[in-house]
């Protein structure tokens, strides 16, 4: 991907306990075929995400976000 530092990934994530959050992350690398490591712009630290738990995935301009991004938490 060209200019990968200019983009972030935005998605809805459901954790192992069923809680849903809206995340904005800067991808670091894949960890096998089912998960990836990314810098979470809300937590300001690396987090592991399972691809099967990600929904509504889209690329966004990094310039549109300022760290820390407010973590949008909704419970299922």
Protein backbone atom coordinates (compact mmCIF):
# COMPACT_ATOMS: atom_id res chain seq x y z
CA UNK A 1 0.00 0.00 0.00
CA UNK A 2 1.35 3.39 -0.91
CA UNK A 3 1.39 6.09 1.78
CA UNK A 4 0.37 3.64 4.51
CA UNK A 5 1.31 6.15 7.24
CA UNK A 6 -1.42 8.46 5.96
CA UNK A 7 -4.19 5.92 6.60
CA UNK A 8 -5.78 4.21 9.61
CA UNK A 9 -8.32 1.40 9.83
CA UNK A 10 -11.66 2.10 11.49
CA UNK A 11 -14.02 -0.73 12.51
CA UNK A 12 -16.50 -2.08 15.03
CA UNK A 13 -15.03 -4.80 17.26
CA UNK A 14 -16.73 -7.39 19.47
CA UNK A 15 -14.42 -8.80 22.18
CA UNK A 16 -14.45 -12.32 23.66
CA UNK A 17 -16.99 -11.21 26.30
CA UNK A 18 -19.35 -9.82 23.67
CA UNK A 19 -18.74 -6.13 24.34
CA UNK A 20 -18.71 -3.96 21.22
CA UNK A 21 -16.40 -1.01 20.63
CA UNK A 22 -15.62 1.26 17.71
CA UNK A 23 -11.86 1.25 17.08
CA UNK A 24 -9.41 3.33 15.07
CA UNK A 25 -6.04 1.63 14.64
CA UNK A 26 -2.77 1.87 12.80
CA UNK A 27 -1.93 -1.68 11.60
CA UNK A 28 1.49 -3.10 12.45
CA UNK A 29 1.46 -6.67 11.09
CA UNK A 30 -0.56 -9.85 10.66
CA UNK A 31 -0.17 -12.54 13.34
CA UNK A 32 -1.17 -15.60 11.34
CA UNK A 33 -4.22 -15.75 9.12
CA UNK A 34 -6.82 -14.91 11.78
CA UNK A 35 -5.54 -11.86 13.67
CA UNK A 36 -3.41 -8.72 13.44
CA UNK A 37 -1.41 -6.42 15.68
CA UNK A 38 -2.18 -2.70 15.55
CA UNK A 39 -1.60 0.47 17.50
CA UNK A 40 -4.98 1.31 19.02
CA UNK A 41 -5.39 5.09 18.83
CA UNK A 42 -7.76 5.04 21.83
CA UNK A 43 -5.59 3.01 24.20
CA UNK A 44 -2.36 4.40 22.71
CA UNK A 45 -0.73 0.96 22.82
CA UNK A 46 -0.44 -2.15 20.65
CA UNK A 47 -3.46 -4.44 20.67
CA UNK A 48 -4.27 -7.75 19.01
CA UNK A 49 -7.49 -7.99 16.97
CA UNK A 50 -9.18 -11.09 15.57
CA UNK A 51 -10.38 -10.57 12.01
CA UNK A 52 -13.60 -12.54 12.60
CA UNK A 53 -14.59 -10.04 15.31
CA UNK A 54 -14.16 -6.97 13.06
CA UNK A 55 -17.17 -5.48 11.26
CA UNK A 56 -17.79 -2.38 9.15
CA UNK A 57 -14.08 -2.10 8.30
CA UNK A 58 -12.95 0.95 6.34
CA UNK A 59 -9.82 2.94 5.61
CA UNK A 60 -9.75 6.52 6.83
CA UNK A 61 -7.34 9.44 6.62
CA UNK A 62 -5.05 9.50 9.66
CA UNK A 63 -5.14 13.29 9.60
CA UNK A 64 -8.84 13.14 10.55
CA UNK A 65 -8.00 11.65 13.98
CA UNK A 66 -6.13 13.01 16.97
CA UNK A 67 -4.73 10.64 19.61
CA UNK A 68 -6.18 9.56 21.85
CA UNK A 69 -9.32 8.80 19.90
CA UNK A 70 -12.32 8.58 22.23
CA UNK A 71 -13.23 4.92 22.66
CA UNK A 72 -16.87 4.39 21.67
CA UNK A 73 -18.12 1.53 23.87
CA UNK A 74 -21.50 -0.14 23.44
CA UNK A 75 -22.52 -3.27 25.28
CA UNK A 76 -24.38 -6.06 23.49
